[in-house]
């Protein structure tokens, strides 16, 4: 299940630091890797979620998987909150991710969307 494939920012005037670029690239790698494929680490990436039948169960599983993988494989950020963005479509799952870059305590707000296969980085440095 790939979440991060295309990147967009609502604040193009904001200059991304090398650290932020590295964080986003690492998140891209982590969350686009299917567990047990593409890595020698057996617990790296998102596991198969086909066992779930309801959208609510899938959403909860995605939130857990994203949080666990970020905590395990992106030590430069602390996850503050991951929440599902409500939508009436049964095929649409989108999530907001609030993180803090540990080194400088700056907020990082991302919205990732499984239907449109993209992520938006908003208000990178508040």
N, C-alpha and C. Protein backbone atom coordinates (compact mmCIF):
# COMPACT_ATOMS: atom_id res chain seq x y z
N UNK A 1 0.86 -1.16 0.00
CA UNK A 1 0.00 0.00 0.00
C UNK A 1 0.91 1.23 0.00
N UNK A 2 0.90 2.00 -1.04
CA UNK A 2 1.76 3.16 -1.15
C UNK A 2 0.98 4.42 -0.81
N UNK A 3 1.51 5.20 0.10
CA UNK A 3 0.86 6.46 0.46
C UNK A 3 1.57 7.64 -0.17
N UNK A 4 2.88 7.61 -0.20
CA UNK A 4 3.64 8.76 -0.65
C UNK A 4 4.22 8.49 -2.02
N UNK A 5 3.70 9.09 -3.04
CA UNK A 5 4.30 8.96 -4.36
C UNK A 5 4.51 10.32 -5.01
N UNK A 6 3.62 11.24 -4.76
CA UNK A 6 3.71 12.56 -5.34
C UNK A 6 3.75 13.57 -4.20
N UNK A 7 4.55 14.60 -4.35
CA UNK A 7 4.68 15.58 -3.30
C UNK A 7 4.19 16.93 -3.80
N UNK A 8 3.45 17.61 -2.97
CA UNK A 8 2.97 18.96 -3.28
C UNK A 8 3.07 19.77 -2.01
N UNK A 9 3.28 21.04 -2.16
CA UNK A 9 3.31 21.91 -0.99
C UNK A 9 2.41 23.11 -1.25
N UNK A 10 1.68 23.52 -0.24
CA UNK A 10 0.81 24.68 -0.38
C UNK A 10 1.58 25.97 -0.16
N UNK A 11 2.80 25.87 0.30
CA UNK A 11 3.60 27.06 0.57
C UNK A 11 4.91 26.98 -0.21
N UNK A 12 4.87 27.18 -1.54
CA UNK A 12 6.06 27.01 -2.35
C UNK A 12 7.17 28.00 -2.03
N UNK A 13 6.85 29.11 -1.40
CA UNK A 13 7.87 30.09 -1.06
C UNK A 13 8.74 29.63 0.10
N UNK A 14 8.28 28.64 0.84
CA UNK A 14 9.05 28.16 1.98
C UNK A 14 10.21 27.33 1.47
N UNK A 15 11.42 27.68 1.90
CA UNK A 15 12.61 26.95 1.50
C UNK A 15 12.76 25.71 2.37
N UNK A 16 12.78 24.56 1.76
CA UNK A 16 12.95 23.32 2.51
C UNK A 16 14.41 23.17 2.89
N UNK A 17 14.65 22.80 4.12
CA UNK A 17 16.01 22.54 4.55
C UNK A 17 16.43 21.15 4.08
N UNK A 18 17.73 20.91 4.10
CA UNK A 18 18.23 19.59 3.74
C UNK A 18 17.69 18.54 4.70
N UNK A 19 17.55 18.92 5.98
CA UNK A 19 17.02 17.97 6.95
C UNK A 19 15.58 17.62 6.63
N UNK A 20 14.75 18.61 6.31
CA UNK A 20 13.35 18.34 5.98
C UNK A 20 13.25 17.49 4.72
N UNK A 21 14.06 17.78 3.74
CA UNK A 21 14.07 16.98 2.52
C UNK A 21 14.42 15.54 2.83
N UNK A 22 15.40 15.33 3.69
CA UNK A 22 15.79 13.98 4.09
C UNK A 22 14.69 13.26 4.84
N UNK A 23 13.99 13.99 5.70
CA UNK A 23 12.88 13.41 6.46
C UNK A 23 11.77 12.97 5.52
N UNK A 24 11.39 13.83 4.60
CA UNK A 24 10.31 13.52 3.65
C UNK A 24 10.71 12.35 2.76
N UNK A 25 11.96 12.33 2.29
CA UNK A 25 12.42 11.20 1.47
C UNK A 25 12.39 9.90 2.26
N UNK A 26 12.79 9.94 3.52
CA UNK A 26 12.77 8.73 4.33
C UNK A 26 11.34 8.27 4.58
N UNK A 27 10.43 9.20 4.87
CA UNK A 27 9.03 8.84 5.03
C UNK A 27 8.48 8.22 3.75
N UNK A 28 8.88 8.79 2.62
CA UNK A 28 8.48 8.24 1.33
C UNK A 28 8.93 6.78 1.21
N UNK A 29 10.16 6.50 1.56
CA UNK A 29 10.68 5.13 1.48
C UNK A 29 9.97 4.20 2.45
N UNK A 30 9.79 4.65 3.67
CA UNK A 30 9.16 3.81 4.70
C UNK A 30 7.73 3.45 4.31
N UNK A 31 6.96 4.45 3.94
CA UNK A 31 5.53 4.24 3.75
C UNK A 31 5.16 3.78 2.35
N UNK A 32 6.12 3.70 1.45
CA UNK A 32 5.89 3.12 0.13
C UNK A 32 6.42 1.70 0.02
N UNK A 33 6.97 1.19 1.10
CA UNK A 33 7.51 -0.16 1.07
C UNK A 33 6.50 -1.11 1.69
N UNK A 34 6.20 -2.16 0.96
CA UNK A 34 5.35 -3.20 1.49
C UNK A 34 6.21 -4.10 2.37
N UNK A 35 5.73 -4.39 3.57
CA UNK A 35 6.50 -5.19 4.51
C UNK A 35 6.93 -6.51 3.86
N UNK A 36 8.19 -6.86 4.09
CA UNK A 36 8.86 -8.07 3.60
C UNK A 36 9.17 -8.01 2.11
N UNK A 37 9.03 -6.85 1.48
CA UNK A 37 9.43 -6.65 0.10
C UNK A 37 10.26 -5.39 0.03
N UNK A 38 11.40 -5.43 -0.61
CA UNK A 38 12.19 -4.23 -0.84
C UNK A 38 13.09 -3.84 0.31
N UNK A 39 13.17 -4.64 1.35
CA UNK A 39 14.05 -4.34 2.48
C UNK A 39 14.47 -5.65 3.13
N UNK A 40 15.67 -5.65 3.64
CA UNK A 40 16.13 -6.83 4.37
C UNK A 40 15.59 -6.84 5.80
N UNK A 41 15.01 -5.73 6.24
CA UNK A 41 14.40 -5.66 7.57
C UNK A 41 12.99 -6.22 7.49
N UNK A 42 12.71 -7.23 8.25
CA UNK A 42 11.43 -7.94 8.16
C UNK A 42 10.23 -7.10 8.62
N UNK A 43 10.46 -6.08 9.46
CA UNK A 43 9.34 -5.28 9.96
C UNK A 43 9.30 -3.88 9.34
N UNK A 44 10.07 -3.65 8.28
CA UNK A 44 10.14 -2.35 7.62
C UNK A 44 9.00 -2.23 6.62
N UNK A 45 8.23 -1.15 6.71
CA UNK A 45 7.18 -0.88 5.74
C UNK A 45 5.79 -1.23 6.26
N UNK A 46 4.83 -1.06 5.38
CA UNK A 46 3.42 -1.25 5.72
C UNK A 46 3.02 -2.69 5.39
N UNK A 47 2.40 -3.34 6.35
CA UNK A 47 1.99 -4.72 6.14
C UNK A 47 0.73 -4.78 5.27
N UNK A 48 0.43 -5.96 4.80
CA UNK A 48 -0.76 -6.20 4.01
C UNK A 48 -1.99 -6.02 4.90
N UNK A 49 -2.93 -5.23 4.47
CA UNK A 49 -4.12 -4.94 5.26
C UNK A 49 -5.38 -5.54 4.66
N UNK A 50 -5.24 -6.54 3.80
CA UNK A 50 -6.38 -7.17 3.14
C UNK A 50 -7.28 -7.94 4.09
N UNK A 51 -6.83 -8.19 5.30
CA UNK A 51 -7.65 -8.93 6.27
C UNK A 51 -8.84 -8.11 6.77
N UNK A 52 -8.79 -6.80 6.58
CA UNK A 52 -9.85 -5.94 7.08
C UNK A 52 -10.92 -5.74 6.01
N UNK A 53 -12.17 -5.71 6.46
CA UNK A 53 -13.27 -5.56 5.51
C UNK A 53 -13.97 -4.21 5.62
N UNK A 54 -13.93 -3.59 6.77
CA UNK A 54 -14.61 -2.29 6.90
C UNK A 54 -13.61 -1.15 6.76
N UNK A 55 -14.09 -0.04 6.25
CA UNK A 55 -13.25 1.13 6.07
C UNK A 55 -12.71 1.63 7.41
N UNK A 56 -13.52 1.55 8.46
CA UNK A 56 -13.07 1.99 9.78
C UNK A 56 -11.92 1.13 10.29
N UNK A 57 -12.03 -0.18 10.11
CA UNK A 57 -10.96 -1.08 10.53
C UNK A 57 -9.68 -0.83 9.75
N UNK A 58 -9.83 -0.61 8.45
CA UNK A 58 -8.65 -0.32 7.61
C UNK A 58 -8.00 0.98 8.06
N UNK A 59 -8.81 2.00 8.32
CA UNK A 59 -8.27 3.29 8.74
C UNK A 59 -7.50 3.17 10.05
N UNK A 60 -8.05 2.45 11.01
CA UNK A 60 -7.35 2.26 12.29
C UNK A 60 -6.04 1.49 12.09
N UNK A 61 -6.07 0.49 11.23
CA UNK A 61 -4.86 -0.28 10.96
C UNK A 61 -3.80 0.57 10.27
N UNK A 62 -4.22 1.41 9.33
CA UNK A 62 -3.28 2.30 8.64
C UNK A 62 -2.65 3.26 9.64
N UNK A 63 -3.44 3.84 10.51
CA UNK A 63 -2.92 4.77 11.51
C UNK A 63 -1.88 4.08 12.38
N UNK A 64 -2.19 2.88 12.84
CA UNK A 64 -1.24 2.13 13.66
C UNK A 64 0.05 1.82 12.89
N UNK A 65 -0.10 1.37 11.66
CA UNK A 65 1.07 1.02 10.84
C UNK A 65 1.95 2.25 10.59
N UNK A 66 1.34 3.36 10.24
CA UNK A 66 2.10 4.58 9.97
C UNK A 66 2.84 5.03 11.22
N UNK A 67 2.15 5.06 12.35
CA UNK A 67 2.77 5.50 13.60
C UNK A 67 3.93 4.60 13.99
N UNK A 68 3.73 3.30 13.96
CA UNK A 68 4.78 2.35 14.34
C UNK A 68 6.00 2.50 13.43
N UNK A 69 5.77 2.59 12.12
CA UNK A 69 6.88 2.70 11.19
C UNK A 69 7.64 4.01 11.32
N UNK A 70 6.94 5.10 11.54
CA UNK A 70 7.63 6.38 11.72
C UNK A 70 8.44 6.37 13.01
N UNK A 71 7.85 5.89 14.08
CA UNK A 71 8.57 5.83 15.36
C UNK A 71 9.80 4.93 15.25
N UNK A 72 9.70 3.86 14.51
CA UNK A 72 10.78 2.88 14.40
C UNK A 72 11.89 3.34 13.45
N UNK A 73 11.51 3.97 12.33
CA UNK A 73 12.48 4.21 11.26
C UNK A 73 12.70 5.67 10.87
N UNK A 74 12.08 6.61 11.56
CA UNK A 74 12.37 8.02 11.32
C UNK A 74 12.60 8.69 12.67
N UNK A 75 13.79 8.53 13.23
CA UNK A 75 14.07 9.04 14.58
C UNK A 75 14.16 10.55 14.68
N UNK A 76 14.17 11.25 13.55
CA UNK A 76 14.29 12.71 13.60
C UNK A 76 12.97 13.41 13.90
N UNK A 77 11.85 12.66 13.86
CA UNK A 77 10.56 13.28 14.13
C UNK A 77 9.84 12.54 15.25
N UNK A 78 8.99 13.28 15.93
CA UNK A 78 8.11 12.71 16.93
C UNK A 78 6.68 12.87 16.42
N UNK A 79 5.94 11.78 16.37
CA UNK A 79 4.56 11.80 15.93
C UNK A 79 3.70 12.34 17.06
N UNK A 80 2.99 13.42 16.80
CA UNK A 80 2.07 13.98 17.79
C UNK A 80 0.67 13.42 17.62
N UNK A 81 0.23 13.33 16.36
CA UNK A 81 -1.14 12.91 16.10
C UNK A 81 -1.27 12.44 14.66
N UNK A 82 -2.05 11.39 14.49
CA UNK A 82 -2.47 10.96 13.16
C UNK A 82 -3.98 10.80 13.24
N UNK A 83 -4.67 11.46 12.35
CA UNK A 83 -6.12 11.34 12.37
C UNK A 83 -6.64 11.18 10.96
N UNK A 84 -7.74 10.47 10.88
CA UNK A 84 -8.40 10.24 9.60
C UNK A 84 -9.19 11.48 9.23
N UNK A 85 -9.11 11.86 7.97
CA UNK A 85 -9.92 12.94 7.43
C UNK A 85 -11.20 12.30 6.92
N UNK A 86 -12.32 12.69 7.49
CA UNK A 86 -13.61 12.08 7.15
C UNK A 86 -14.02 12.43 5.72
N UNK A 87 -14.59 11.43 5.05
CA UNK A 87 -15.07 11.59 3.69
C UNK A 87 -16.21 10.60 3.49
N UNK A 88 -17.19 10.96 2.69
CA UNK A 88 -18.35 10.09 2.48
C UNK A 88 -18.07 8.96 1.48
N UNK A 89 -17.03 9.08 0.71
CA UNK A 89 -16.73 8.06 -0.29
C UNK A 89 -16.17 6.80 0.40
N UNK A 90 -16.68 5.63 0.05
CA UNK A 90 -16.17 4.40 0.66
C UNK A 90 -14.78 4.01 0.15
N UNK A 91 -14.31 4.67 -0.90
CA UNK A 91 -13.01 4.33 -1.49
C UNK A 91 -11.93 5.34 -1.15
N UNK A 92 -12.24 6.32 -0.34
CA UNK A 92 -11.31 7.40 -0.06
C UNK A 92 -10.84 7.35 1.38
N UNK A 93 -9.54 7.24 1.56
CA UNK A 93 -8.93 7.33 2.88
C UNK A 93 -7.87 8.42 2.83
N UNK A 94 -8.00 9.38 3.72
CA UNK A 94 -7.00 10.43 3.83
C UNK A 94 -6.71 10.63 5.31
N UNK A 95 -5.47 11.03 5.60
CA UNK A 95 -5.03 11.18 6.97
C UNK A 95 -4.22 12.45 7.13
N UNK A 96 -4.34 13.06 8.30
CA UNK A 96 -3.49 14.19 8.67
C UNK A 96 -2.48 13.68 9.68
N UNK A 97 -1.25 14.06 9.47
CA UNK A 97 -0.15 13.64 10.33
C UNK A 97 0.51 14.88 10.90
N UNK A 98 0.54 14.98 12.21
CA UNK A 98 1.22 16.08 12.89
C UNK A 98 2.48 15.53 13.54
N UNK A 99 3.62 16.11 13.19
CA UNK A 99 4.90 15.70 13.75
C UNK A 99 5.67 16.93 14.22
N UNK A 100 6.69 16.67 15.00
CA UNK A 100 7.63 17.71 15.40
C UNK A 100 9.02 17.21 15.04
N UNK A 101 9.79 18.05 14.37
CA UNK A 101 11.18 17.73 14.09
C UNK A 101 11.93 17.89 15.42
N UNK A 102 12.52 16.82 15.90
CA UNK A 102 13.11 16.81 17.24
C UNK A 102 14.26 17.80 17.40
N UNK A 103 15.08 17.95 16.38
CA UNK A 103 16.26 18.78 16.49
C UNK A 103 15.95 20.25 16.74
N UNK A 104 14.88 20.76 16.12
CA UNK A 104 14.59 22.18 16.26
C UNK A 104 13.18 22.47 16.75
N UNK A 105 12.45 21.45 17.14
CA UNK A 105 11.09 21.57 17.69
C UNK A 105 10.11 22.27 16.75
N UNK A 106 10.33 22.17 15.47
CA UNK A 106 9.44 22.79 14.50
C UNK A 106 8.34 21.80 14.10
N UNK A 107 7.15 22.34 13.86
CA UNK A 107 6.01 21.51 13.47
C UNK A 107 6.11 21.09 12.02
N UNK A 108 5.60 19.92 11.75
CA UNK A 108 5.50 19.41 10.39
C UNK A 108 4.10 18.83 10.26
N UNK A 109 3.30 19.41 9.39
CA UNK A 109 1.91 18.97 9.18
C UNK A 109 1.81 18.42 7.77
N UNK A 110 1.41 17.16 7.68
CA UNK A 110 1.28 16.53 6.37
C UNK A 110 -0.11 15.93 6.24
N UNK A 111 -0.63 15.97 5.04
CA UNK A 111 -1.89 15.31 4.71
C UNK A 111 -1.55 14.31 3.63
N UNK A 112 -1.85 13.03 3.89
CA UNK A 112 -1.63 12.04 2.84
C UNK A 112 -2.93 11.36 2.50
N UNK A 113 -3.05 11.07 1.22
CA UNK A 113 -4.31 10.64 0.64
C UNK A 113 -4.08 9.37 -0.17
N UNK A 114 -4.72 8.28 0.23
CA UNK A 114 -4.51 7.01 -0.45
C UNK A 114 -5.21 6.93 -1.80
N UNK A 115 -6.29 7.66 -1.98
CA UNK A 115 -7.02 7.61 -3.24
C UNK A 115 -6.28 8.35 -4.34
N UNK A 116 -5.83 9.55 -4.03
CA UNK A 116 -5.15 10.37 -5.03
C UNK A 116 -3.65 10.15 -5.01
N UNK A 117 -3.18 9.32 -4.07
CA UNK A 117 -1.79 8.90 -4.03
C UNK A 117 -0.83 10.07 -3.94
N UNK A 118 -1.12 10.98 -3.02
CA UNK A 118 -0.22 12.11 -2.86
C UNK A 118 -0.16 12.56 -1.42
N UNK A 119 0.76 13.47 -1.18
CA UNK A 119 0.92 14.07 0.14
C UNK A 119 1.07 15.57 -0.05
N UNK A 120 0.54 16.31 0.91
CA UNK A 120 0.73 17.75 0.93
C UNK A 120 1.43 18.11 2.22
N UNK A 121 2.46 18.90 2.12
CA UNK A 121 3.16 19.38 3.30
C UNK A 121 2.73 20.82 3.47
N UNK A 122 2.10 21.10 4.59
CA UNK A 122 1.51 22.42 4.82
C UNK A 122 2.15 23.09 6.04
N UNK A 123 2.33 24.39 5.94
CA UNK A 123 2.83 25.17 7.07
C UNK A 123 4.03 24.47 7.70
N UNK A 124 5.03 24.21 6.89
CA UNK A 124 6.16 23.42 7.34
C UNK A 124 6.81 24.01 8.56
N UNK A 125 7.13 25.26 8.53
CA UNK A 125 7.79 25.89 9.69
C UNK A 125 6.85 26.93 10.25
N UNK A 126 6.22 26.59 11.34
CA UNK A 126 5.26 27.50 11.97
C UNK A 126 5.96 28.38 12.97
